[in-house]
C-alpha atoms as a PDB file:
ATOM      1  CA  MET A   1       7.802 -51.324  28.299  1.00  0.00           C
ATOM      2  CA  LYS A   2       5.498 -48.626  28.916  1.00  0.00           C
ATOM      3  CA  LYS A   3       2.823 -47.560  26.577  1.00  0.00           C
ATOM      4  CA  THR A   4       2.243 -44.343  25.425  1.00  0.00           C
ATOM      5  CA  ASP A   5      -1.135 -42.224  25.183  1.00  0.00           C
ATOM      6  CA  LYS A   6      -1.727 -41.155  21.838  1.00  0.00           C
ATOM      7  CA  SER A   7      -3.926 -38.076  22.788  1.00  0.00           C
ATOM      8  CA  GLN A   8      -0.618 -36.541  24.009  1.00  0.00           C
ATOM      9  CA  THR A   9       1.513 -36.385  21.103  1.00  0.00           C
ATOM     10  CA  ALA A  10      -1.693 -35.884  18.972  1.00  0.00           C
ATOM     11  CA  GLU A  11      -2.829 -32.515  20.567  1.00  0.00           C
ATOM     12  CA  PRO A  12       0.908 -30.464  19.967  1.00  0.00           C
ATOM     13  CA  LEU A  13       0.960 -32.035  16.068  1.00  0.00           C
ATOM     14  CA  MET A  14      -2.566 -30.492  15.562  1.00  0.00           C
ATOM     15  CA  SER A  15      -1.559 -26.967  17.053  1.00  0.00           C
ATOM     16  CA  ASN A  16       1.137 -27.045  15.174  1.00  0.00           C
ATOM     17  CA  LYS A  17      -0.888 -27.897  11.979  1.00  0.00           C
ATOM     18  CA  HIS A  18      -3.532 -25.417  12.822  1.00  0.00           C
ATOM     19  CA  ALA A  19      -0.820 -23.157  12.651  1.00  0.00           C
ATOM     20  CA  ILE A  20       0.612 -24.260   9.708  1.00  0.00           C
ATOM     21  CA  ALA A  21      -2.377 -23.952   7.938  1.00  0.00           C
ATOM     22  CA  SER A  22      -3.224 -20.330   9.730  1.00  0.00           C
ATOM     23  CA  GLY A  23      -0.250 -18.674   8.716  1.00  0.00           C
ATOM     24  CA  ALA A  24      -0.640 -19.681   5.163  1.00  0.00           C
ATOM     25  CA  ILE A  25      -3.975 -18.525   4.747  1.00  0.00           C
ATOM     26  CA  ALA A  26      -3.122 -14.839   6.274  1.00  0.00           C
ATOM     27  CA  GLY A  27       0.501 -14.832   4.289  1.00  0.00           C
ATOM     28  CA  VAL A  28      -2.076 -15.332   0.521  1.00  0.00           C
ATOM     29  CA  VAL A  29      -4.759 -12.576   2.072  1.00  0.00           C
ATOM     30  CA  ALA A  30      -1.820 -10.185   3.077  1.00  0.00           C
ATOM     31  CA  MET A  31      -0.639 -10.846  -0.709  1.00  0.00           C
ATOM     32  CA  GLY A  32      -3.747 -10.075  -1.888  1.00  0.00           C
ATOM     33  CA  LEU A  33      -4.240  -6.327  -0.377  1.00  0.00           C
ATOM     34  CA  LEU A  34      -0.802  -5.812  -1.288  1.00  0.00           C
ATOM     35  CA  ALA A  35      -2.059  -6.681  -5.279  1.00  0.00           C
ATOM     36  CA  GLY A  36      -4.167  -4.662  -4.882  1.00  0.00           C
ATOM     37  CA  ALA A  37      -2.649  -1.968  -3.444  1.00  0.00           C
ATOM     38  CA  GLY A  38      -0.187  -1.953  -6.315  1.00  0.00           C
ATOM     39  CA  GLU A  39      -3.245  -1.236  -9.268  1.00  0.00           C
ATOM     40  CA  ALA A  40      -4.914   1.584  -6.383  1.00  0.00           C
ATOM     41  CA  VAL A  41      -1.250   3.464  -7.631  1.00  0.00           C
ATOM     42  CA  ALA A  42      -0.597   2.629 -10.551  1.00  0.00           C
ATOM     43  CA  ALA A  43      -2.936   4.692 -12.105  1.00  0.00           C
ATOM     44  CA  LYS A  44      -7.483   5.880 -11.516  1.00  0.00           C
ATOM     45  CA  LYS A  45      -9.546   6.054 -13.748  1.00  0.00           C
ATOM     46  CA  GLY A  46     -11.439   9.475 -13.469  1.00  0.00           C
ATOM     47  CA  PHE A  47      -8.983  11.011 -11.523  1.00  0.00           C
ATOM     48  CA  GLU A  48      -6.019  13.657 -12.384  1.00  0.00           C
ATOM     49  CA  LYS A  49      -2.584  13.496 -10.677  1.00  0.00           C
ATOM     50  CA  CYS A  50      -2.491  17.099  -8.533  1.00  0.00           C
ATOM     51  CA  ALA A  51       0.759  18.502  -7.531  1.00  0.00           C
ATOM     52  CA  GLY A  52       1.608  21.185  -5.284  1.00  0.00           C
ATOM     53  CA  ILE A  53      -1.085  20.335  -2.719  1.00  0.00           C
ATOM     54  CA  VAL A  54       0.187  17.424  -0.541  1.00  0.00           C
ATOM     55  CA  LYS A  55       0.628  17.458   2.956  1.00  0.00           C
ATOM     56  CA  ALA A  56       3.526  15.974   4.526  1.00  0.00           C
ATOM     57  CA  GLY A  57       3.559  11.732   4.993  1.00  0.00           C
ATOM     58  CA  LYS A  58       0.624  11.663   2.484  1.00  0.00           C
ATOM     59  CA  ASN A  59       1.468  11.731  -1.747  1.00  0.00           C
ATOM     60  CA  ASP A  60      -0.059   8.958  -3.551  1.00  0.00           C
ATOM     61  CA  CYS A  61       3.267   8.062  -4.854  1.00  0.00           C
ATOM     62  CA  GLY A  62       6.649   8.866  -5.310  1.00  0.00           C
ATOM     63  CA  ASN A  63       9.264  10.609  -7.250  1.00  0.00           C
ATOM     64  CA  SER A  64      12.706  11.519  -8.241  1.00  0.00           C
ATOM     65  CA  ARG A  65      13.619  11.407  -4.285  1.00  0.00           C
ATOM     66  CA  HIS A  66      11.964   8.773  -2.914  1.00  0.00           C
ATOM     67  CA  GLY A  67       9.954   5.928  -4.606  1.00  0.00           C
ATOM     68  CA  CYS A  68       6.979   5.253  -2.617  1.00  0.00           C
ATOM     69  CA  SER A  69       3.130   6.430  -1.426  1.00  0.00           C
ATOM     70  CA  GLY A  70       3.266   8.646   2.151  1.00  0.00           C
ATOM     71  CA  GLN A  71       7.259   9.964   2.355  1.00  0.00           C
ATOM     72  CA  ALA A  72       6.947  13.006   1.339  1.00  0.00           C
ATOM     73  CA  ALA A  73       9.075  15.445   3.320  1.00  0.00           C
ATOM     74  CA  LYS A  74       7.050  18.573   3.815  1.00  0.00           C
ATOM     75  CA  ASP A  75       3.522  20.457   2.927  1.00  0.00           C
ATOM     76  CA  LYS A  76       2.633  21.460  -0.686  1.00  0.00           C
ATOM     77  CA  LEU A  77       6.165  20.358  -2.691  1.00  0.00           C
ATOM     78  CA  ALA A  78       5.844  21.172  -6.043  1.00  0.00           C
ATOM     79  CA  ASP A  79       7.011  17.519  -6.860  1.00  0.00           C
ATOM     80  CA  GLU A  80       4.945  15.463  -4.589  1.00  0.00           C
ATOM     81  CA  TRP A  81       1.353  14.842  -5.981  1.00  0.00           C
ATOM     82  CA  LEU A  82      -1.929  13.067  -4.913  1.00  0.00           C
ATOM     83  CA  TYR A  83      -5.137  11.521  -7.219  1.00  0.00           C
ATOM     84  CA  VAL A  84      -8.092  13.566  -7.025  1.00  0.00           C
ATOM     85  CA  PRO A  85     -11.368  13.690  -9.440  1.00  0.00           C
ATOM     86  CA  ASN A  86     -10.729  14.910 -12.890  1.00  0.00           C
ATOM     87  CA  GLY A  87     -11.362  18.881 -12.667  1.00  0.00           C
ATOM     88  CA  THR A  88     -10.649  19.369  -9.326  1.00  0.00           C
ATOM     89  CA  CYS A  89      -6.792  20.141  -9.220  1.00  0.00           C
ATOM     90  CA  LYS A  90      -7.479  23.367 -11.680  1.00  0.00           C
ATOM     91  CA  LYS A  91      -9.816  24.497  -9.248  1.00  0.00           C
ATOM     92  CA  ILE A  92      -7.350  24.238  -6.229  1.00  0.00           C
ATOM     93  CA  ALA A  93      -4.865  27.102  -5.247  1.00  0.00           C
ATOM     94  CA  GLY A  94      -1.697  26.375  -5.490  1.00  0.00           C
ATOM     95  CA  ALA A  95      -2.493  23.232  -7.153  1.00  0.00           C
ATOM     96  CA  SER A  96      -0.643  22.233 -10.554  1.00  0.00           C
ATOM     97  CA  ILE A  97      -1.644  18.753 -12.553  1.00  0.00           C
ATOM     98  CA  PHE A  98       1.598  16.252 -11.916  1.00  0.00           C
ATOM     99  CA  VAL A  99       3.423  16.065 -15.210  1.00  0.00           C
ATOM    100  CA  LYS A 100       6.357  13.778 -15.352  1.00  0.00           C
ATOM    101  CA  LYS A 101       9.743  15.539 -15.931  1.00  0.00           C
ATOM    102  CA  LYS A 102      11.542  13.916 -19.099  1.00  0.00           C
ATOM    103  CA  LYS A 103      15.083  12.607 -17.995  1.00  0.00           C
END
């Protein structure tokens, strides 16, 4: 019978374990980043939603046409908004405080 060299089989197993561990760590980090991003858009203390000043693709959150940030189709749409420090929106020409329309 031929003996197998254990060093030849151990290396691929260690590589697989390393890859799995790396993937698991990357997944945990990604989930943490996504959780933080959701909080940032939910409500920012000391900021207000300012509408009518957003450049296309630079909005902070969704509206009646879409549900995500970064999807404003055109510049300066009245229902696209972004967060600005409190008191700033009233100083910008063409801007207004965003108020969600009731259905």
